[in-house]
Every structure is written in structure tokens, then in C-alpha cells.
Amino acid sequence: DIVEKTDGYVGSDMFSLAQTAAMMPIDHLNPDEFLTMNVDEVRPVSYDDFLKALTQVPSSFDKSQLGPYIEWNRKYGTNFN
């Protein structure tokens, strides 16, 4: 499901998405609470964290920009067929 929702994301977008989702379990904690708790007290990252992160991390790539790359690949790329 996440793969389908991130169609068009590039590597740096995926990194930002994972980083944003990973921070969600601790985002709601106040600093005093965060500094005194054990790491095993922090809830695991969830699917819902990724869904929420998707609302904050858009794709940085516009598929309409692919044209020149497809044309270059057609002219100069290797055909493995």
C-alpha cells in the first residue's frame, strides 16, 4: 500500500518519508518526558505514522519532467530486450 501511495517518489523523498514517520512516536512527548524515559517505552513506528507522514512529505519529482530522459534513453540507452 505504501509503495502504491509513493509512486513517483525519489530516493530522497522516501528518506524524508521514513524519517518523518520515525519521529511521530516521540513528537507528542514533552521534552522532560522524552529525556527520562527508556527507549523501550517509545511505541514502535506504525502504518498510520507512514500515512500521516505522506500528508507532510510530497513527491519532489514531477512525472511530466520524464520526457527528455525517456527520449535520451530511446536514442542512447542500452536495449536489453
N, C-alpha and C. Protein backbone atom coordinates (compact mmCIF):
# COMPACT_ATOMS: atom_id res chain seq x y z
N ASP A 1 0.82 -1.19 0.00
CA ASP A 1 0.00 0.00 0.00
C ASP A 1 0.87 1.26 0.00
N ILE A 2 1.90 1.28 0.84
CA ILE A 2 2.80 2.44 0.88
C ILE A 2 3.50 2.60 -0.46
N VAL A 3 3.88 1.49 -1.09
CA VAL A 3 4.54 1.55 -2.39
C VAL A 3 3.63 2.23 -3.41
N GLU A 4 2.37 1.85 -3.43
CA GLU A 4 1.43 2.47 -4.36
C GLU A 4 1.24 3.96 -4.06
N LYS A 5 1.19 4.31 -2.80
CA LYS A 5 0.97 5.70 -2.40
C LYS A 5 2.20 6.58 -2.65
N THR A 6 3.36 5.97 -2.84
CA THR A 6 4.58 6.74 -3.07
C THR A 6 5.06 6.65 -4.51
N ASP A 7 4.17 6.29 -5.42
CA ASP A 7 4.53 6.26 -6.83
C ASP A 7 5.01 7.65 -7.24
N GLY A 8 6.18 7.71 -7.83
CA GLY A 8 6.75 8.99 -8.23
C GLY A 8 7.71 9.58 -7.21
N TYR A 9 7.80 8.98 -6.04
CA TYR A 9 8.76 9.45 -5.04
C TYR A 9 10.16 9.02 -5.46
N VAL A 10 11.13 9.89 -5.24
CA VAL A 10 12.53 9.54 -5.49
C VAL A 10 13.16 9.14 -4.16
N GLY A 11 14.40 8.70 -4.22
CA GLY A 11 15.08 8.20 -3.01
C GLY A 11 15.06 9.18 -1.86
N SER A 12 15.35 10.45 -2.14
CA SER A 12 15.37 11.44 -1.05
C SER A 12 13.97 11.67 -0.48
N ASP A 13 12.93 11.53 -1.30
CA ASP A 13 11.56 11.63 -0.80
C ASP A 13 11.26 10.48 0.16
N MET A 14 11.69 9.28 -0.21
CA MET A 14 11.46 8.11 0.64
C MET A 14 12.22 8.25 1.96
N PHE A 15 13.44 8.79 1.89
CA PHE A 15 14.21 9.02 3.10
C PHE A 15 13.47 9.99 4.01
N SER A 16 12.96 11.08 3.45
CA SER A 16 12.22 12.06 4.25
C SER A 16 10.94 11.46 4.82
N LEU A 17 10.27 10.64 4.02
CA LEU A 17 9.04 9.99 4.49
C LEU A 17 9.33 9.09 5.68
N ALA A 18 10.36 8.24 5.56
CA ALA A 18 10.71 7.33 6.66
C ALA A 18 11.16 8.10 7.89
N GLN A 19 11.93 9.15 7.68
CA GLN A 19 12.41 9.96 8.80
C GLN A 19 11.23 10.65 9.52
N THR A 20 10.30 11.18 8.75
CA THR A 20 9.14 11.83 9.33
C THR A 20 8.28 10.83 10.10
N ALA A 21 8.05 9.66 9.52
CA ALA A 21 7.26 8.62 10.19
C ALA A 21 7.96 8.15 11.47
N ALA A 22 9.27 8.03 11.41
CA ALA A 22 10.03 7.54 12.58
C ALA A 22 9.98 8.51 13.75
N MET A 23 9.80 9.78 13.48
CA MET A 23 9.74 10.78 14.55
C MET A 23 8.37 10.87 15.21
N MET A 24 7.35 10.35 14.58
CA MET A 24 5.99 10.50 15.10
C MET A 24 5.76 9.90 16.48
N PRO A 25 6.35 8.75 16.81
CA PRO A 25 6.13 8.23 18.16
C PRO A 25 6.66 9.14 19.27
N ILE A 26 7.60 10.00 18.97
CA ILE A 26 8.14 10.87 20.02
C ILE A 26 7.71 12.34 19.87
N ASP A 27 7.07 12.66 18.75
CA ASP A 27 6.65 14.05 18.53
C ASP A 27 5.71 14.58 19.59
N HIS A 28 4.85 13.74 20.12
CA HIS A 28 3.85 14.20 21.10
C HIS A 28 4.39 14.27 22.53
N LEU A 29 5.59 13.76 22.74
CA LEU A 29 6.15 13.75 24.09
C LEU A 29 6.71 15.12 24.45
N ASN A 30 6.57 15.50 25.71
CA ASN A 30 7.21 16.75 26.13
C ASN A 30 8.68 16.45 26.42
N PRO A 31 9.53 17.46 26.34
CA PRO A 31 10.98 17.22 26.48
C PRO A 31 11.38 16.52 27.78
N ASP A 32 10.76 16.87 28.90
CA ASP A 32 11.10 16.21 30.17
C ASP A 32 10.78 14.72 30.12
N GLU A 33 9.63 14.41 29.55
CA GLU A 33 9.21 13.01 29.45
C GLU A 33 10.18 12.25 28.54
N PHE A 34 10.53 12.85 27.42
CA PHE A 34 11.41 12.21 26.46
C PHE A 34 12.79 11.93 27.04
N LEU A 35 13.32 12.87 27.80
CA LEU A 35 14.67 12.73 28.33
C LEU A 35 14.78 11.71 29.46
N THR A 36 13.67 11.39 30.10
CA THR A 36 13.72 10.47 31.24
C THR A 36 13.20 9.07 30.95
N MET A 37 12.65 8.84 29.78
CA MET A 37 12.08 7.52 29.50
C MET A 37 13.10 6.58 28.88
N ASN A 38 12.86 5.30 29.03
CA ASN A 38 13.69 4.28 28.39
C ASN A 38 13.28 4.14 26.93
N VAL A 39 14.21 3.76 26.10
CA VAL A 39 13.93 3.64 24.68
C VAL A 39 12.82 2.61 24.39
N ASP A 40 12.72 1.58 25.24
CA ASP A 40 11.69 0.56 25.01
C ASP A 40 10.29 1.04 25.42
N GLU A 41 10.19 2.22 25.98
CA GLU A 41 8.90 2.79 26.32
C GLU A 41 8.29 3.58 25.16
N VAL A 42 9.09 3.86 24.15
CA VAL A 42 8.59 4.57 22.98
C VAL A 42 7.88 3.56 22.09
N ARG A 43 6.68 3.90 21.67
CA ARG A 43 5.92 2.96 20.84
C ARG A 43 6.60 2.78 19.49
N PRO A 44 6.41 1.63 18.86
CA PRO A 44 7.01 1.41 17.55
C PRO A 44 6.36 2.28 16.47
N VAL A 45 7.06 2.48 15.39
CA VAL A 45 6.52 3.20 14.25
C VAL A 45 5.41 2.34 13.64
N SER A 46 4.32 2.97 13.25
CA SER A 46 3.17 2.22 12.74
C SER A 46 2.85 2.60 11.29
N TYR A 47 1.99 1.82 10.71
CA TYR A 47 1.48 2.12 9.38
C TYR A 47 0.81 3.49 9.36
N ASP A 48 0.05 3.79 10.41
CA ASP A 48 -0.61 5.10 10.49
C ASP A 48 0.39 6.25 10.51
N ASP A 49 1.56 6.02 11.09
CA ASP A 49 2.61 7.05 11.07
C ASP A 49 3.03 7.34 9.63
N PHE A 50 3.14 6.30 8.83
CA PHE A 50 3.50 6.50 7.42
C PHE A 50 2.39 7.21 6.67
N LEU A 51 1.15 6.87 6.95
CA LEU A 51 0.04 7.57 6.30
C LEU A 51 0.03 9.05 6.66
N LYS A 52 0.28 9.35 7.92
CA LYS A 52 0.33 10.75 8.34
C LYS A 52 1.53 11.45 7.70
N ALA A 53 2.67 10.77 7.64
CA ALA A 53 3.86 11.34 7.03
C ALA A 53 3.63 11.65 5.55
N LEU A 54 2.83 10.82 4.88
CA LEU A 54 2.52 11.07 3.47
C LEU A 54 1.81 12.40 3.27
N THR A 55 1.09 12.87 4.27
CA THR A 55 0.42 14.17 4.15
C THR A 55 1.41 15.32 4.33
N GLN A 56 2.59 15.02 4.85
CA GLN A 56 3.59 16.05 5.12
C GLN A 56 4.77 16.03 4.15
N VAL A 57 4.97 14.90 3.48
CA VAL A 57 6.13 14.74 2.59
C VAL A 57 5.63 14.43 1.18
N PRO A 58 5.53 15.45 0.34
CA PRO A 58 5.08 15.20 -1.04
C PRO A 58 6.24 14.73 -1.92
N SER A 59 5.91 14.22 -3.07
CA SER A 59 6.92 13.85 -4.05
C SER A 59 7.57 15.12 -4.58
N SER A 60 8.87 15.08 -4.73
CA SER A 60 9.59 16.25 -5.26
C SER A 60 9.79 16.16 -6.76
N PHE A 61 9.30 15.09 -7.36
CA PHE A 61 9.52 14.86 -8.78
C PHE A 61 8.21 14.95 -9.54
N ASP A 62 8.22 15.67 -10.62
CA ASP A 62 7.05 15.80 -11.49
C ASP A 62 7.23 14.85 -12.68
N LYS A 63 6.32 13.90 -12.82
CA LYS A 63 6.45 12.90 -13.89
C LYS A 63 6.48 13.53 -15.27
N SER A 64 5.94 14.72 -15.42
CA SER A 64 5.96 15.37 -16.72
C SER A 64 7.38 15.74 -17.14
N GLN A 65 8.32 15.72 -16.19
CA GLN A 65 9.73 16.02 -16.48
C GLN A 65 10.47 14.82 -17.07
N LEU A 66 9.81 13.68 -17.17
CA LEU A 66 10.48 12.47 -17.67
C LEU A 66 10.75 12.48 -19.16
N GLY A 67 10.02 13.25 -19.93
CA GLY A 67 10.12 13.24 -21.39
C GLY A 67 11.54 13.26 -21.93
N PRO A 68 12.36 14.25 -21.56
CA PRO A 68 13.73 14.29 -22.09
C PRO A 68 14.56 13.06 -21.72
N TYR A 69 14.34 12.50 -20.55
CA TYR A 69 15.09 11.31 -20.12
C TYR A 69 14.66 10.08 -20.92
N ILE A 70 13.39 9.97 -21.17
CA ILE A 70 12.89 8.84 -21.97
C ILE A 70 13.43 8.96 -23.39
N GLU A 71 13.42 10.16 -23.94
CA GLU A 71 13.95 10.37 -25.29
C GLU A 71 15.44 10.07 -25.35
N TRP A 72 16.20 10.53 -24.36
CA TRP A 72 17.64 10.24 -24.32
C TRP A 72 17.88 8.74 -24.26
N ASN A 73 17.11 8.06 -23.41
CA ASN A 73 17.25 6.62 -23.27
C ASN A 73 16.88 5.91 -24.58
N ARG A 74 15.88 6.42 -25.27
CA ARG A 74 15.48 5.82 -26.55
C ARG A 74 16.63 5.95 -27.56
N LYS A 75 17.30 7.11 -27.60
CA LYS A 75 18.37 7.34 -28.56
C LYS A 75 19.68 6.66 -28.18
N TYR A 76 20.05 6.77 -26.89
CA TYR A 76 21.40 6.38 -26.48
C TYR A 76 21.47 5.25 -25.47
N GLY A 77 20.35 4.88 -24.92
CA GLY A 77 20.35 3.87 -23.87
C GLY A 77 20.60 2.47 -24.42
N THR A 78 20.85 1.57 -23.51
CA THR A 78 21.08 0.18 -23.88
C THR A 78 19.76 -0.55 -23.88
N ASN A 79 19.55 -1.33 -24.89
CA ASN A 79 18.33 -2.13 -25.00
C ASN A 79 18.67 -3.58 -24.66
N PHE A 80 18.15 -4.05 -23.55
CA PHE A 80 18.45 -5.42 -23.10
C PHE A 80 17.39 -6.43 -23.55
N ASN A 81 16.50 -6.04 -24.42
CA ASN A 81 15.43 -6.96 -24.86
C ASN A 81 15.98 -8.04 -25.72
